[in-house]
Amino acid sequence: MQKEKVALTLVGIKRFVSKKGNNVCLLSVSRPYTPEENDKGSFGAQIREEFVPQDQINDFGADDIGKTVEFEYGFNYYGRPEITRILVK
């Protein structure tokens, strides 16, 4: 059984300066729960926050709220997956 790709919607943008003095941007994205999750008692939408890659922190604005978002993943220095690029459609 192949899993269906679920669309993510941009619902919020938060910018701040970290304790180390770095500019940071967080995107809040939502996705509807799947029918399988509904069968297990989850309804509505799930919200998650993702850190924006440093080279894209100024790429998002209020006009992007409500648009579809896609994440591209790669591997960091330690071999762990991380977001390498965020696309807004």
C-alpha atoms as a PDB file:
ATOM      1  CA  MET A   1       0.000   0.000   0.000  1.00  0.00           C
ATOM      2  CA  GLN A   2       1.486   3.317  -1.119  1.00  0.00           C
ATOM      3  CA  LYS A   3       1.036   6.291   1.171  1.00  0.00           C
ATOM      4  CA  GLU A   4      -0.606   9.363  -0.318  1.00  0.00           C
ATOM      5  CA  LYS A   5       1.419  12.568  -0.151  1.00  0.00           C
ATOM      6  CA  VAL A   6      -0.297  15.016   2.198  1.00  0.00           C
ATOM      7  CA  ALA A   7      -0.281  18.734   1.359  1.00  0.00           C
ATOM      8  CA  LEU A   8       1.181  21.052   3.975  1.00  0.00           C
ATOM      9  CA  THR A   9      -0.276  24.552   4.347  1.00  0.00           C
ATOM     10  CA  LEU A  10       1.707  27.491   5.720  1.00  0.00           C
ATOM     11  CA  VAL A  11      -0.252  28.960   8.646  1.00  0.00           C
ATOM     12  CA  GLY A  12       2.356  31.045  10.488  1.00  0.00           C
ATOM     13  CA  ILE A  13       5.797  32.655  10.352  1.00  0.00           C
ATOM     14  CA  LYS A  14       7.813  33.527  13.454  1.00  0.00           C
ATOM     15  CA  ARG A  15      11.107  35.421  13.387  1.00  0.00           C
ATOM     16  CA  PHE A  16      13.354  36.033  16.366  1.00  0.00           C
ATOM     17  CA  VAL A  17      16.978  36.347  17.451  1.00  0.00           C
ATOM     18  CA  SER A  18      18.465  33.329  19.219  1.00  0.00           C
ATOM     19  CA  LYS A  19      20.395  33.513  22.498  1.00  0.00           C
ATOM     20  CA  LYS A  20      23.570  33.294  20.402  1.00  0.00           C
ATOM     21  CA  GLY A  21      22.490  36.338  18.382  1.00  0.00           C
ATOM     22  CA  ASN A  22      21.515  34.474  15.197  1.00  0.00           C
ATOM     23  CA  ASN A  23      18.443  35.400  13.166  1.00  0.00           C
ATOM     24  CA  VAL A  24      15.972  32.509  13.191  1.00  0.00           C
ATOM     25  CA  CYS A  25      12.765  31.846  11.278  1.00  0.00           C
ATOM     26  CA  LEU A  26      10.163  29.197  12.146  1.00  0.00           C
ATOM     27  CA  LEU A  27       7.339  28.186   9.832  1.00  0.00           C
ATOM     28  CA  SER A  28       4.126  26.745  11.252  1.00  0.00           C
ATOM     29  CA  VAL A  29       2.524  24.313   8.816  1.00  0.00           C
ATOM     30  CA  SER A  30      -0.667  22.303   9.046  1.00  0.00           C
ATOM     31  CA  ARG A  31      -1.858  19.115   7.434  1.00  0.00           C
ATOM     32  CA  PRO A  32      -5.205  17.386   7.721  1.00  0.00           C
ATOM     33  CA  TYR A  33      -5.280  14.079   9.540  1.00  0.00           C
ATOM     34  CA  THR A  34      -5.571  11.108   7.179  1.00  0.00           C
ATOM     35  CA  PRO A  35      -8.534   8.705   7.133  1.00  0.00           C
ATOM     36  CA  GLU A  36      -6.301   6.153   8.895  1.00  0.00           C
ATOM     37  CA  GLU A  37      -5.630   8.673  11.680  1.00  0.00           C
ATOM     38  CA  ASN A  38      -9.374   9.464  11.842  1.00  0.00           C
ATOM     39  CA  ASP A  39     -10.036   5.753  12.419  1.00  0.00           C
ATOM     40  CA  LYS A  40      -7.695   5.956  15.427  1.00  0.00           C
ATOM     41  CA  GLY A  41      -9.474   8.992  16.907  1.00  0.00           C
ATOM     42  CA  SER A  42      -7.546  11.956  15.448  1.00  0.00           C
ATOM     43  CA  PHE A  43      -9.566  14.681  13.711  1.00  0.00           C
ATOM     44  CA  GLY A  44      -8.932  18.112  12.247  1.00  0.00           C
ATOM     45  CA  ALA A  45      -5.369  19.152  11.464  1.00  0.00           C
ATOM     46  CA  GLN A  46      -1.899  18.655  12.882  1.00  0.00           C
ATOM     47  CA  ILE A  47       0.320  21.734  13.293  1.00  0.00           C
ATOM     48  CA  ARG A  48       4.104  21.527  13.385  1.00  0.00           C
ATOM     49  CA  GLU A  49       6.898  24.078  13.420  1.00  0.00           C
ATOM     50  CA  GLU A  50       9.990  23.745  11.257  1.00  0.00           C
ATOM     51  CA  PHE A  51      13.204  25.766  11.330  1.00  0.00           C
ATOM     52  CA  VAL A  52      13.993  27.515   8.061  1.00  0.00           C
ATOM     53  CA  PRO A  53      17.469  26.953   6.561  1.00  0.00           C
ATOM     54  CA  GLN A  54      19.733  29.955   7.240  1.00  0.00           C
ATOM     55  CA  ASP A  55      19.949  30.936   3.558  1.00  0.00           C
ATOM     56  CA  GLN A  56      16.140  31.223   3.322  1.00  0.00           C
ATOM     57  CA  ILE A  57      15.172  33.073   6.515  1.00  0.00           C
ATOM     58  CA  ASN A  58      14.114  36.199   4.589  1.00  0.00           C
ATOM     59  CA  ASP A  59      12.287  34.349   1.790  1.00  0.00           C
ATOM     60  CA  PHE A  60       8.875  34.137   3.491  1.00  0.00           C
ATOM     61  CA  GLY A  61       6.309  36.813   4.235  1.00  0.00           C
ATOM     62  CA  ALA A  62       2.653  37.446   5.041  1.00  0.00           C
ATOM     63  CA  ASP A  63       1.655  36.890   1.398  1.00  0.00           C
ATOM     64  CA  ASP A  64       2.750  33.242   1.708  1.00  0.00           C
ATOM     65  CA  ILE A  65       0.244  32.403   4.474  1.00  0.00           C
ATOM     66  CA  GLY A  66      -2.278  29.857   3.193  1.00  0.00           C
ATOM     67  CA  LYS A  67      -0.037  28.571   0.397  1.00  0.00           C
ATOM     68  CA  THR A  68       1.154  24.989  -0.038  1.00  0.00           C
ATOM     69  CA  VAL A  69       4.642  24.199   1.285  1.00  0.00           C
ATOM     70  CA  GLU A  70       7.076  21.445   0.283  1.00  0.00           C
ATOM     71  CA  PHE A  71      10.222  20.483   2.171  1.00  0.00           C
ATOM     72  CA  GLU A  72      13.367  19.076   0.565  1.00  0.00           C
ATOM     73  CA  TYR A  73      15.547  16.988   2.853  1.00  0.00           C
ATOM     74  CA  GLY A  74      19.241  16.168   2.901  1.00  0.00           C
ATOM     75  CA  PHE A  75      21.692  14.914   5.510  1.00  0.00           C
ATOM     76  CA  ASN A  76      23.687  17.018   7.944  1.00  0.00           C
ATOM     77  CA  TYR A  77      27.293  16.541   9.052  1.00  0.00           C
ATOM     78  CA  TYR A  78      26.223  13.811  11.501  1.00  0.00           C
ATOM     79  CA  GLY A  79      24.236  11.873   8.890  1.00  0.00           C
ATOM     80  CA  ARG A  80      20.862  12.959  10.253  1.00  0.00           C
ATOM     81  CA  PRO A  81      18.111  14.170   7.921  1.00  0.00           C
ATOM     82  CA  GLU A  82      17.476  17.909   7.870  1.00  0.00           C
ATOM     83  CA  ILE A  83      15.494  20.370   5.787  1.00  0.00           C
ATOM     84  CA  THR A  84      17.723  21.775   3.053  1.00  0.00           C
ATOM     85  CA  ARG A  85      15.173  23.802   1.072  1.00  0.00           C
ATOM     86  CA  ILE A  86      11.584  24.981   1.482  1.00  0.00           C
ATOM     87  CA  LEU A  87       9.366  25.623  -1.532  1.00  0.00           C
ATOM     88  CA  VAL A  88       6.150  27.666  -1.382  1.00  0.00           C
ATOM     89  CA  LYS A  89       3.660  27.118  -4.193  1.00  0.00           C
END
